[in-house]
């Protein structure tokens, strides 16, 4: 009997040790998964934002110009209405989540097979014209998606317009052949974006210019209801995209604009207020982001008692930052996750300079 009792006690102890060891192993393993998901999410965002504004931020004075366009698949029935497209000519636009909900980040950049250079108009372009006359069309090819930018950088009655480059072939009349000085945008055929009704009534004056966006990269990063980081991309082939899951267990994404409010050429503060004027957009020099990754391991006990903190440093001026020890911190909401106290979280953050804006800030003429 004594031996049986001792054996049972031994089994109980061994079972408890194994259970505890297995629980610790799962916690460590799932913590590693959270680290991988968080690191890759941050890397993906950083890589895309580093290229933000390529081909689009040539003239800082044009930042903030409203972009308009209409898309219709030529294969669609004639009665199918065109899909309107609106955006802002800005490298990065942050859509602020209400009450601490995850933000979404939209990144605009050119995606050409070669390079992107602005094309200056040598003649005015009327609303009904089907080609632009430029000083040089070097780098353009049929199918490229372009943005026409008014000389004055954009007003409520003079906006930026999206169109497709077409090419009727050598010898075609009326500027409909793509050549050294003509950029055609004839409606119909295989064209998906060419609608003369979208152009401003006054057209585009001489010395307005065209931005070659190639196949276009217009990516919006967000967090879906299943706690995945997703990206929705728009291209020259479609006016809308399907969210693509990138990394799981990402529960929050927060972003701020790094702005030069003193004229020093350096970031003096961070906030999530989207600029509304060209002058305000020119003050945006960097984007600061934070990603919160969650371990997939559900813990029986409550292991998180408060929202994780985004440490922004001791001297940073940032919206919603409060003193936390020797630094300033921003609380990152995770309470939207079911049983959030039974999971562990990791915060990953970085500051990304908008290098294409910085490189072009010295000269505001295309």
Protein backbone atom coordinates (compact mmCIF):
# COMPACT_ATOMS: atom_id res chain seq x y z
CA UNK A 1 0.00 0.00 0.00
CA UNK A 2 2.83 2.34 0.91
CA UNK A 3 4.53 1.63 -2.40
CA UNK A 4 1.30 2.21 -4.29
CA UNK A 5 0.77 5.57 -2.59
CA UNK A 6 4.36 6.60 -3.27
CA UNK A 7 3.98 5.56 -6.90
CA UNK A 8 0.79 7.58 -7.27
CA UNK A 9 2.42 10.63 -5.70
CA UNK A 10 5.37 10.26 -8.04
CA UNK A 11 3.05 10.06 -11.06
CA UNK A 12 1.18 13.18 -9.88
CA UNK A 13 4.43 15.13 -9.44
CA UNK A 14 5.76 14.00 -12.82
CA UNK A 15 2.45 14.91 -14.49
CA UNK A 16 2.48 18.37 -12.90
CA UNK A 17 6.07 18.97 -13.98
CA UNK A 18 5.37 17.81 -17.53
CA UNK A 19 2.22 19.94 -17.72
CA UNK A 20 4.07 23.01 -16.48
CA UNK A 21 6.99 22.35 -18.82
CA UNK A 22 4.67 21.89 -21.81
CA UNK A 23 2.83 25.10 -20.94
CA UNK A 24 6.11 27.02 -20.73
CA UNK A 25 7.23 25.50 -24.02
CA UNK A 26 4.04 26.58 -25.77
CA UNK A 27 4.33 30.07 -24.29
CA UNK A 28 7.91 30.41 -25.54
CA UNK A 29 7.08 28.97 -28.96
CA UNK A 30 4.04 31.17 -29.46
CA UNK A 31 6.05 34.15 -28.22
CA UNK A 32 8.55 33.44 -30.99
CA UNK A 33 5.70 33.33 -33.50
CA UNK A 34 4.50 36.74 -32.29
CA UNK A 35 8.03 38.08 -32.64
CA UNK A 36 8.27 36.80 -36.22
CA UNK A 37 4.84 38.14 -37.22
CA UNK A 38 5.50 41.52 -35.63
CA UNK A 39 8.98 41.86 -37.13
CA UNK A 40 7.83 40.89 -40.63
CA UNK A 41 4.84 43.22 -40.43
CA UNK A 42 7.09 46.12 -39.46
CA UNK A 43 9.60 45.23 -42.20
CA UNK A 44 6.87 45.05 -44.87
CA UNK A 45 5.44 48.42 -43.90
CA UNK A 46 8.88 50.00 -43.66
CA UNK A 47 9.97 48.71 -47.06
CA UNK A 48 6.87 50.04 -48.81
CA UNK A 49 6.83 53.40 -47.02
CA UNK A 50 10.52 53.95 -47.80
CA UNK A 51 9.57 54.02 -51.49
CA UNK A 52 6.47 56.15 -50.90
CA UNK A 53 6.18 59.10 -53.24
CA UNK A 54 8.53 57.72 -55.88
CA UNK A 55 7.47 59.29 -59.17
CA UNK A 56 4.72 61.27 -57.42
CA UNK A 57 6.57 63.70 -55.14
CA UNK A 58 8.55 65.38 -57.93
CA UNK A 59 7.04 68.77 -57.15
CA UNK A 60 6.40 69.24 -53.40
CA UNK A 61 4.10 72.17 -54.18
CA UNK A 62 1.67 69.73 -55.83
CA UNK A 63 1.36 67.49 -52.77
CA UNK A 64 -2.23 67.31 -51.61
CA UNK A 65 -3.67 67.64 -55.11
CA UNK A 66 -6.98 65.78 -55.40
CA UNK A 67 -6.74 62.87 -57.86
CA UNK A 68 -9.79 61.88 -59.87
CA UNK A 69 -10.38 59.08 -62.32
CA UNK A 70 -12.94 56.62 -63.65
CA UNK A 71 -12.40 52.96 -64.42
CA UNK A 72 -14.41 50.69 -66.69
CA UNK A 73 -13.41 47.31 -68.04
CA UNK A 74 -13.89 47.32 -71.84
CA UNK A 75 -15.29 43.79 -71.57
CA UNK A 76 -18.09 44.94 -69.26
CA UNK A 77 -21.59 45.50 -70.72
CA UNK A 78 -22.18 48.99 -72.11
CA UNK A 79 -24.74 49.74 -69.40
CA UNK A 80 -22.21 49.05 -66.63
CA UNK A 81 -21.31 52.37 -64.99
CA UNK A 82 -17.70 53.44 -64.61
CA UNK A 83 -16.15 53.08 -61.15
CA UNK A 84 -15.06 56.46 -59.71
CA UNK A 85 -11.60 56.68 -58.17
CA UNK A 86 -10.47 59.42 -55.83
CA UNK A 87 -7.22 59.81 -53.90
CA UNK A 88 -4.73 62.42 -52.75
CA UNK A 89 -1.35 63.06 -54.36
CA UNK A 90 0.61 62.27 -51.22
CA UNK A 91 3.22 59.60 -50.42
CA UNK A 92 1.42 58.27 -47.34
CA UNK A 93 -2.08 58.94 -46.01
CA UNK A 94 -3.06 57.73 -42.53
CA UNK A 95 -6.72 56.92 -41.84
CA UNK A 96 -6.98 57.32 -38.08
CA UNK A 97 -8.90 54.62 -36.22
CA UNK A 98 -11.48 56.03 -33.80
CA UNK A 99 -10.91 55.68 -30.05
CA UNK A 100 -7.67 53.72 -30.37
CA UNK A 101 -8.91 51.33 -33.06
CA UNK A 102 -6.25 50.26 -35.59
CA UNK A 103 -5.25 52.84 -38.21
CA UNK A 104 -4.91 52.10 -41.90
CA UNK A 105 -2.04 53.37 -44.03
CA UNK A 106 -2.21 54.08 -47.78
CA UNK A 107 1.06 54.25 -49.70
CA UNK A 108 1.36 55.77 -53.19
CA UNK A 109 4.33 55.22 -55.49
CA UNK A 110 5.20 54.72 -59.12
CA UNK A 111 5.89 51.19 -60.28
CA UNK A 112 7.49 51.41 -63.69
CA UNK A 113 9.65 48.81 -65.38
CA UNK A 114 12.38 51.42 -65.84
CA UNK A 115 12.25 54.79 -64.12
CA UNK A 116 9.73 57.54 -63.49
CA UNK A 117 10.41 61.09 -64.65
CA UNK A 118 7.94 64.01 -65.02
CA UNK A 119 6.92 65.08 -68.52
CA UNK A 120 6.38 68.81 -68.98
CA UNK A 121 3.56 69.95 -71.26
CA UNK A 122 4.74 72.14 -74.12
CA UNK A 123 1.18 73.01 -75.17
CA UNK A 124 -2.10 73.43 -73.34
CA UNK A 125 -4.40 70.42 -73.16
CA UNK A 126 -8.15 71.01 -73.54
CA UNK A 127 -10.68 68.86 -71.71
CA UNK A 128 -11.73 67.08 -74.92
CA UNK A 129 -8.22 66.52 -76.33
CA UNK A 130 -7.11 62.90 -76.65
CA UNK A 131 -3.37 63.46 -76.39
CA UNK A 132 -0.85 65.56 -74.45
CA UNK A 133 1.99 67.37 -76.18
CA UNK A 134 5.12 67.14 -74.04
CA UNK A 135 8.73 68.18 -74.34
CA UNK A 136 9.81 64.54 -74.03
CA UNK A 137 7.89 61.29 -73.59
CA UNK A 138 11.04 59.36 -72.68
CA UNK A 139 10.15 56.36 -70.54
CA UNK A 140 6.44 56.20 -71.45
CA UNK A 141 4.86 53.14 -73.01
CA UNK A 142 1.36 52.05 -73.94
CA UNK A 143 -0.64 50.87 -70.95
CA UNK A 144 1.18 53.04 -68.40
CA UNK A 145 -1.06 54.74 -65.87
CA UNK A 146 -0.30 58.47 -65.63
CA UNK A 147 -1.43 61.38 -63.50
CA UNK A 148 -1.85 64.82 -65.06
CA UNK A 149 -0.89 67.55 -62.58
CA UNK A 150 -1.95 71.18 -63.15
CA UNK A 151 0.69 73.89 -63.33
CA UNK A 152 -0.63 75.55 -60.17
CA UNK A 153 -0.43 72.30 -58.19
CA UNK A 154 -4.18 71.82 -57.89
CA UNK A 155 -7.26 73.79 -56.84
CA UNK A 156 -10.93 72.87 -56.29
CA UNK A 157 -11.56 73.51 -60.00
CA UNK A 158 -8.23 72.24 -61.32
CA UNK A 159 -7.35 68.78 -60.05
CA UNK A 160 -5.09 65.86 -60.93
CA UNK A 161 -6.45 63.23 -63.32
CA UNK A 162 -5.63 59.55 -63.89
CA UNK A 163 -5.44 58.22 -67.47
CA UNK A 164 -3.98 55.36 -69.53
CA UNK A 165 -1.38 55.83 -72.26
CA UNK A 166 -2.54 54.47 -75.61
CA UNK A 167 -0.72 54.02 -78.91
CA UNK A 168 -2.40 53.82 -82.32
CA UNK A 169 0.89 52.92 -83.97
CA UNK A 170 3.34 54.69 -86.24
CA UNK A 171 1.74 56.99 -88.81
CA UNK A 172 -1.51 57.47 -86.90
CA UNK A 173 -2.95 60.95 -87.24
CA UNK A 174 -3.90 63.62 -84.72
CA UNK A 175 -1.30 62.77 -82.12
CA UNK A 176 -2.76 59.33 -81.37
CA UNK A 177 0.60 57.62 -81.90
CA UNK A 178 2.94 57.50 -78.93
CA UNK A 179 6.10 59.28 -80.02
CA UNK A 180 8.80 61.57 -78.68
CA UNK A 181 6.45 64.50 -78.05
CA UNK A 182 2.95 63.01 -77.80
CA UNK A 183 1.25 61.06 -75.01
CA UNK A 184 -2.10 59.77 -76.36
CA UNK A 185 -5.00 58.76 -74.11
CA UNK A 186 -7.72 57.72 -76.54
CA UNK A 187 -10.92 56.38 -74.99
CA UNK A 188 -12.39 53.04 -76.01
CA UNK A 189 -10.58 49.95 -77.24
CA UNK A 190 -8.56 48.38 -74.46
CA UNK A 191 -8.38 51.61 -72.45
CA UNK A 192 -9.78 51.25 -68.93
CA UNK A 193 -9.17 54.70 -67.45
CA UNK A 194 -9.65 57.22 -70.24
CA UNK A 195 -12.72 59.39 -69.64
CA UNK A 196 -12.55 62.97 -70.96
CA UNK A 197 -15.39 63.90 -68.59
CA UNK A 198 -13.04 63.46 -65.65
CA UNK A 199 -10.62 66.19 -66.79
CA UNK A 200 -11.08 69.71 -65.38
CA UNK A 201 -13.25 71.98 -67.51
CA UNK A 202 -10.31 74.31 -68.14
CA UNK A 203 -8.03 71.42 -69.10
CA UNK A 204 -4.32 71.73 -68.35
CA UNK A 205 -2.20 74.78 -69.11
CA UNK A 206 1.22 74.74 -70.71
CA UNK A 207 3.91 73.76 -68.16
CA UNK A 208 1.57 71.45 -66.35
CA UNK A 209 3.14 67.99 -66.22
CA UNK A 210 2.52 64.26 -66.28
CA UNK A 211 3.65 61.71 -63.70
CA UNK A 212 4.35 58.23 -65.04
CA UNK A 213 3.00 55.78 -62.45
CA UNK A 214 3.61 52.70 -64.60
CA UNK A 215 1.37 49.92 -63.31
CA UNK A 216 0.87 51.99 -60.13
CA UNK A 217 1.33 50.96 -56.52
CA UNK A 218 -1.53 52.18 -54.34
CA UNK A 219 -1.51 49.94 -51.28
CA UNK A 220 -3.64 50.23 -48.16
CA UNK A 221 -2.49 48.35 -45.07
CA UNK A 222 -5.01 47.58 -42.34
CA UNK A 223 -6.03 45.00 -39.73
CA UNK A 224 -9.04 42.83 -40.50
CA UNK A 225 -11.61 41.39 -38.10
CA UNK A 226 -9.60 38.17 -37.75
CA UNK A 227 -6.55 40.09 -36.48
CA UNK A 228 -4.49 39.77 -39.66
CA UNK A 229 -2.39 42.47 -41.26
CA UNK A 230 -3.85 42.79 -44.76
CA UNK A 231 -2.99 44.85 -47.83
CA UNK A 232 -5.42 45.99 -50.51
CA UNK A 233 -3.74 47.09 -53.71
CA UNK A 234 -5.00 49.11 -56.64
CA UNK A 235 -3.24 48.93 -59.99
CA UNK A 236 -3.60 50.02 -63.58
CA UNK A 237 -5.61 46.87 -64.21
CA UNK A 238 -8.27 47.40 -61.56
CA UNK A 239 -9.96 50.22 -59.68
CA UNK A 240 -10.40 48.08 -56.58
CA UNK A 241 -8.49 45.28 -54.93
CA UNK A 242 -9.16 42.30 -52.69
CA UNK A 243 -7.57 42.35 -49.23
CA UNK A 244 -4.61 39.98 -49.11
CA UNK A 245 -3.65 38.50 -45.75
CA UNK A 246 0.00 39.08 -44.88
CA UNK A 247 0.65 38.14 -41.25
CA UNK A 248 -1.64 36.75 -38.51
CA UNK A 249 -2.07 37.79 -34.88
CA UNK A 250 -1.53 41.52 -35.48
CA UNK A 251 -4.02 43.26 -33.19
CA UNK A 252 -3.19 46.94 -33.59
CA UNK A 253 -1.49 49.28 -36.04
CA UNK A 254 -0.94 52.91 -35.15
CA UNK A 255 0.76 55.59 -37.25
CA UNK A 256 1.66 59.26 -36.96
CA UNK A 257 2.99 61.92 -39.29
CA UNK A 258 6.40 63.30 -38.38
CA UNK A 259 6.14 67.03 -39.12
CA UNK A 260 8.52 69.95 -39.31
CA UNK A 261 6.46 72.69 -37.67
CA UNK A 262 9.39 75.05 -37.04
CA UNK A 263 10.95 75.28 -40.50
CA UNK A 264 14.19 73.65 -39.30
CA UNK A 265 14.11 70.84 -41.85
CA UNK A 266 13.81 68.30 -39.03
CA UNK A 267 10.85 66.55 -37.45
CA UNK A 268 9.68 68.56 -34.45
CA UNK A 269 6.59 66.55 -33.50
CA UNK A 270 4.28 63.66 -34.32
CA UNK A 271 0.51 63.65 -34.72
CA UNK A 272 -2.23 61.84 -36.63
CA UNK A 273 -3.81 64.92 -38.22
CA UNK A 274 -3.91 64.45 -41.99
CA UNK A 275 -2.74 67.62 -43.82
CA UNK A 276 -5.29 69.50 -45.89
CA UNK A 277 -3.07 71.89 -47.84
CA UNK A 278 0.07 71.60 -49.93
CA UNK A 279 2.03 73.60 -47.35
CA UNK A 280 0.97 71.18 -44.63
CA UNK A 281 1.92 68.15 -46.71
CA UNK A 282 5.38 69.60 -47.29
CA UNK A 283 5.91 69.61 -43.52
CA UNK A 284 5.51 65.83 -43.37
CA UNK A 285 9.03 64.38 -43.37
CA UNK A 286 8.55 60.95 -41.80
CA UNK A 287 6.02 58.36 -40.70
CA UNK A 288 6.17 56.75 -37.27
CA UNK A 289 4.42 53.40 -36.86
CA UNK A 290 3.77 50.87 -34.12
CA UNK A 291 2.61 47.28 -34.60
CA UNK A 292 1.19 45.17 -31.78
CA UNK A 293 1.58 41.40 -32.24
CA UNK A 294 -0.24 38.88 -30.09
CA UNK A 295 0.95 35.46 -28.99
CA UNK A 296 -1.40 32.74 -30.21
CA UNK A 297 -1.15 30.95 -26.87
CA UNK A 298 -4.21 31.31 -24.65
CA UNK A 299 -3.10 31.38 -21.01
CA UNK A 300 -5.38 29.98 -18.32
CA UNK A 301 -4.43 32.79 -15.99
CA UNK A 302 -4.66 36.49 -16.83
CA UNK A 303 -1.17 37.46 -17.95
CA UNK A 304 -1.88 41.00 -19.27
CA UNK A 305 -3.49 43.53 -16.97
CA UNK A 306 -3.15 46.70 -19.03
CA UNK A 307 -2.79 47.77 -22.66
CA UNK A 308 0.79 47.62 -23.96
CA UNK A 309 2.64 50.93 -24.21
CA UNK A 310 4.33 52.56 -27.19
CA UNK A 311 7.49 54.18 -25.83
CA UNK A 312 8.12 57.28 -27.97
CA UNK A 313 11.13 58.54 -26.02
CA UNK A 314 11.71 61.17 -23.39
CA UNK A 315 11.77 64.24 -25.64
CA UNK A 316 9.32 63.37 -28.42
CA UNK A 317 6.28 65.58 -28.88
CA UNK A 318 3.52 63.18 -29.86
CA UNK A 319 -0.27 63.16 -29.73
CA UNK A 320 -1.70 61.26 -26.73
CA UNK A 321 1.73 60.63 -25.22
CA UNK A 322 1.86 60.63 -21.41
CA UNK A 323 4.80 60.38 -19.03
CA UNK A 324 5.71 56.80 -18.15
CA UNK A 325 8.83 56.73 -16.01
CA UNK A 326 11.69 58.39 -17.85
CA UNK A 327 9.89 58.28 -21.22
CA UNK A 328 6.60 59.23 -22.81
CA UNK A 329 4.23 56.48 -23.81
CA UNK A 330 1.06 55.98 -25.82
CA UNK A 331 -1.41 53.30 -24.77
CA UNK A 332 -2.11 50.81 -27.56
CA UNK A 333 -5.60 49.33 -27.31
CA UNK A 334 -5.93 45.53 -27.33
CA UNK A 335 -9.25 45.28 -25.48
CA UNK A 336 -11.03 44.72 -28.79
CA UNK A 337 -9.58 41.19 -28.75
CA UNK A 338 -11.74 38.58 -27.04
CA UNK A 339 -10.25 37.52 -23.66
CA UNK A 340 -7.41 39.96 -24.26
CA UNK A 341 -6.03 39.59 -20.73
CA UNK A 342 -5.23 35.91 -21.38
CA UNK A 343 -2.71 36.67 -24.15
CA UNK A 344 0.77 38.19 -24.29
CA UNK A 345 1.68 41.08 -26.61
CA UNK A 346 4.77 42.59 -28.19
CA UNK A 347 5.15 46.11 -29.58
CA UNK A 348 7.36 46.88 -32.59
CA UNK A 349 7.92 50.44 -33.76
CA UNK A 350 10.08 52.47 -36.09
CA UNK A 351 10.44 55.89 -37.74
CA UNK A 352 10.55 55.94 -41.54
CA UNK A 353 11.87 59.05 -43.35
CA UNK A 354 9.99 59.94 -46.55
CA UNK A 355 13.16 60.07 -48.58
CA UNK A 356 11.50 60.80 -51.94
CA UNK A 357 9.94 63.91 -50.41
CA UNK A 358 13.20 64.96 -48.76
CA UNK A 359 15.23 64.48 -51.94
CA UNK A 360 12.84 66.67 -53.96
CA UNK A 361 12.25 69.36 -51.34
CA UNK A 362 15.18 71.49 -52.51
CA UNK A 363 13.62 72.14 -55.92
CA UNK A 364 9.87 72.55 -56.30
CA UNK A 365 9.85 72.62 -60.10
CA UNK A 366 9.47 69.41 -62.15
